[in-house]
N, C-alpha and C. Protein backbone atom coordinates (compact mmCIF):
# COMPACT_ATOMS: atom_id res chain seq x y z
N MET A 1 0.96 -1.07 0.01
CA MET A 1 0.06 -0.01 -0.17
C MET A 1 0.95 1.17 0.07
N TRP A 2 2.00 1.35 1.07
CA TRP A 2 2.55 2.49 1.07
C TRP A 2 3.47 2.71 -0.16
N GLU A 3 3.99 1.30 -0.79
CA GLU A 3 4.91 1.39 -1.87
C GLU A 3 4.17 1.96 -2.85
N THR A 4 2.99 1.78 -3.28
CA THR A 4 1.97 2.09 -4.26
C THR A 4 1.95 4.08 -4.29
N ILE A 5 1.94 4.45 -3.23
CA ILE A 5 1.57 5.72 -2.69
C ILE A 5 2.90 6.53 -3.07
N LEU A 6 4.07 5.82 -2.78
CA LEU A 6 5.47 6.33 -2.94
C LEU A 6 5.57 6.30 -4.39
N VAL A 7 5.28 5.51 -4.91
CA VAL A 7 5.58 5.40 -6.59
C VAL A 7 4.69 6.35 -7.21
N ILE A 8 3.54 6.43 -6.81
CA ILE A 8 2.87 7.54 -7.52
C ILE A 8 3.12 9.26 -7.40
N ALA A 9 3.60 9.06 -6.12
CA ALA A 9 4.06 10.43 -5.68
C ALA A 9 5.55 10.47 -6.29
N GLY A 10 6.29 9.70 -6.41
CA GLY A 10 7.39 9.89 -7.30
C GLY A 10 7.32 10.34 -8.71
N VAL A 11 6.48 9.67 -9.19
CA VAL A 11 5.93 9.68 -10.79
C VAL A 11 5.48 11.11 -11.13
N PHE A 12 4.74 11.53 -9.99
CA PHE A 12 3.97 12.84 -10.19
C PHE A 12 5.36 13.98 -9.82
N VAL A 13 6.06 13.75 -9.12
CA VAL A 13 7.47 14.79 -8.77
C VAL A 13 8.06 14.62 -10.26
N ALA A 14 8.49 13.63 -10.69
CA ALA A 14 9.04 13.47 -12.06
C ALA A 14 8.53 14.22 -13.19
N LEU A 15 7.09 13.87 -13.27
CA LEU A 15 6.32 14.41 -14.23
C LEU A 15 6.27 16.27 -14.04
N SER A 16 6.11 16.36 -12.96
CA SER A 16 6.35 18.10 -12.61
C SER A 16 7.49 18.63 -12.94
N GLY A 17 8.68 17.93 -12.51
CA GLY A 17 9.95 18.47 -12.93
C GLY A 17 9.92 18.53 -14.64
N CYS A 18 9.50 17.52 -15.21
CA CYS A 18 9.66 17.59 -16.73
C CYS A 18 9.05 18.71 -17.30
N LEU A 19 7.62 18.88 -16.88
CA LEU A 19 6.78 19.87 -17.23
C LEU A 19 7.27 21.28 -17.08
N TRP A 20 7.97 21.39 -15.70
CA TRP A 20 8.74 22.88 -15.44
C TRP A 20 9.94 23.02 -16.24
N PHE A 21 10.78 21.84 -16.55
CA PHE A 21 11.62 22.02 -17.25
C PHE A 21 11.38 22.54 -18.85
N PHE A 22 10.56 21.74 -19.38
CA PHE A 22 9.84 22.31 -20.60
C PHE A 22 9.37 23.35 -20.84
N ILE A 23 8.67 24.10 -19.89
CA ILE A 23 7.86 25.58 -19.83
C ILE A 23 9.05 26.57 -19.46
N GLY A 24 10.06 26.14 -18.94
CA GLY A 24 11.18 26.88 -18.76
C GLY A 24 12.08 27.24 -19.92
N LYS A 25 12.08 26.18 -20.86
CA LYS A 25 12.62 26.11 -22.10
C LYS A 25 11.82 26.86 -23.25
N THR A 26 10.69 26.44 -23.34
CA THR A 26 10.04 27.35 -24.27
C THR A 26 9.81 28.72 -23.97
N ALA A 27 9.69 29.07 -22.86
CA ALA A 27 9.22 30.47 -22.57
C ALA A 27 10.25 31.45 -22.77
N ARG A 28 11.32 30.96 -23.04
CA ARG A 28 12.44 32.05 -23.32
C ARG A 28 12.65 32.34 -24.84
N ARG A 29 11.89 31.65 -25.56
CA ARG A 29 11.70 31.98 -27.13
C ARG A 29 10.67 32.97 -27.41
N ARG A 30 10.70 34.01 -26.57
CA ARG A 30 9.63 35.02 -26.94
C ARG A 30 10.64 35.93 -27.90
N HIS A 31 9.66 36.64 -28.78
CA HIS A 31 10.07 37.61 -29.59
C HIS A 31 10.36 39.23 -28.91
N ASP A 32 11.19 39.87 -29.41
CA ASP A 32 11.07 41.03 -28.61
C ASP A 32 9.94 41.88 -28.76
N ALA A 33 9.64 42.66 -28.06
CA ALA A 33 8.30 43.78 -28.16
C ALA A 33 8.61 44.73 -29.14
N ILE A 34 7.73 45.07 -29.81
CA ILE A 34 7.74 46.46 -30.68
C ILE A 34 7.08 47.38 -30.13
N ALA A 35 7.96 48.55 -30.33
CA ALA A 35 7.55 49.72 -29.47
C ALA A 35 6.49 50.36 -30.39
N PRO A 36 5.63 51.01 -29.85
CA PRO A 36 4.43 51.52 -30.60
C PRO A 36 4.74 52.51 -31.48
N GLY A 37 4.31 52.53 -32.87
CA GLY A 37 5.02 53.27 -33.83
C GLY A 37 6.06 52.82 -34.70
N LYS A 38 6.75 51.98 -34.35
CA LYS A 38 8.18 51.44 -34.75
C LYS A 38 7.63 50.30 -35.76
N PHE A 39 6.75 49.68 -35.85
CA PHE A 39 6.80 48.73 -36.86
C PHE A 39 6.87 48.86 -38.34
N ASP A 40 7.66 48.06 -38.76
CA ASP A 40 8.15 48.34 -40.28
C ASP A 40 7.13 47.03 -40.90
N PHE A 41 6.18 47.69 -41.70
CA PHE A 41 5.41 46.57 -42.20
C PHE A 41 5.97 46.19 -43.30
N ASP A 42 6.58 47.01 -44.31
CA ASP A 42 7.30 46.62 -45.50
C ASP A 42 8.49 45.62 -45.26
N ALA A 43 9.19 45.98 -44.19
CA ALA A 43 10.05 44.70 -43.87
C ALA A 43 9.58 43.44 -43.44
N PHE A 44 8.46 43.36 -42.72
CA PHE A 44 7.81 42.35 -42.12
C PHE A 44 7.30 41.92 -43.38
N LYS A 45 6.66 42.52 -44.47
CA LYS A 45 5.99 41.56 -45.56
C LYS A 45 7.14 40.94 -46.39
N SER A 46 8.07 41.60 -46.53
CA SER A 46 9.25 40.96 -47.35
C SER A 46 9.94 39.69 -46.56
N ARG A 47 9.99 39.95 -45.12
CA ARG A 47 10.33 38.40 -44.41
C ARG A 47 9.37 37.33 -44.70
N GLU A 48 8.29 37.78 -44.55
CA GLU A 48 6.97 36.89 -44.71
C GLU A 48 7.01 36.21 -46.11
N ILE A 49 7.05 37.01 -47.15
CA ILE A 49 6.96 36.60 -48.37
C ILE A 49 8.16 35.92 -48.79
N ALA A 50 9.46 36.04 -48.05
CA ALA A 50 10.68 35.18 -48.48
C ALA A 50 10.61 33.97 -47.74
N ARG A 51 10.02 34.04 -46.53
CA ARG A 51 9.96 32.90 -45.78
C ARG A 51 9.01 31.61 -46.20
N ARG A 52 7.99 32.21 -46.66
CA ARG A 52 6.96 31.27 -47.54
C ARG A 52 7.08 31.11 -48.90
N GLY A 53 7.82 32.10 -49.33
CA GLY A 53 7.95 31.67 -51.01
C GLY A 53 6.79 31.76 -51.81
N VAL A 54 5.99 33.10 -51.15
CA VAL A 54 4.63 33.35 -51.94
C VAL A 54 5.15 34.50 -52.63
N HIS A 55 4.41 34.68 -54.11
CA HIS A 55 4.73 35.84 -54.68
C HIS A 55 3.88 37.08 -54.33
N ASP A 56 4.73 38.12 -54.43
CA ASP A 56 4.07 39.66 -53.85
C ASP A 56 2.92 40.05 -54.81
N THR A 57 1.66 40.05 -54.46
CA THR A 57 0.62 40.69 -55.48
C THR A 57 0.08 41.61 -54.67
N THR A 58 0.79 42.31 -53.89
CA THR A 58 0.12 43.42 -53.26
C THR A 58 0.72 44.97 -53.75
N ARG A 59 1.64 44.97 -54.49
CA ARG A 59 2.31 46.18 -54.77
C ARG A 59 1.66 46.67 -55.83
N TYR A 60 1.66 48.13 -55.54
CA TYR A 60 0.89 48.98 -56.28
C TYR A 60 1.13 48.98 -57.72
N GLY A 61 0.57 49.05 -58.75
CA GLY A 61 1.18 49.61 -60.29
C GLY A 61 1.55 48.15 -60.86
N LYS A 62 1.62 47.39 -60.15
CA LYS A 62 1.99 45.71 -60.68
C LYS A 62 1.03 45.22 -61.53
N LYS A 63 1.38 44.98 -62.74
CA LYS A 63 0.53 44.18 -63.91
C LYS A 63 0.43 42.99 -63.82
N ARG A 64 -0.63 42.11 -63.73
CA ARG A 64 -0.53 40.83 -63.75
C ARG A 64 -0.36 40.16 -64.84
């Protein structure tokens, strides 16, 4: 009886430690905050288009 309780408590502590470690590692991968009025939409659009490999069809004056 006591052995079962100790095993369950040990498993709980081990899983809690793993979850704490995982959350700690993933929480550090935050992006820098953008100050109000400092967002460069053209640079963002260029990065997204280059990353996704999508053709830019939003430029003004572009003929199809």
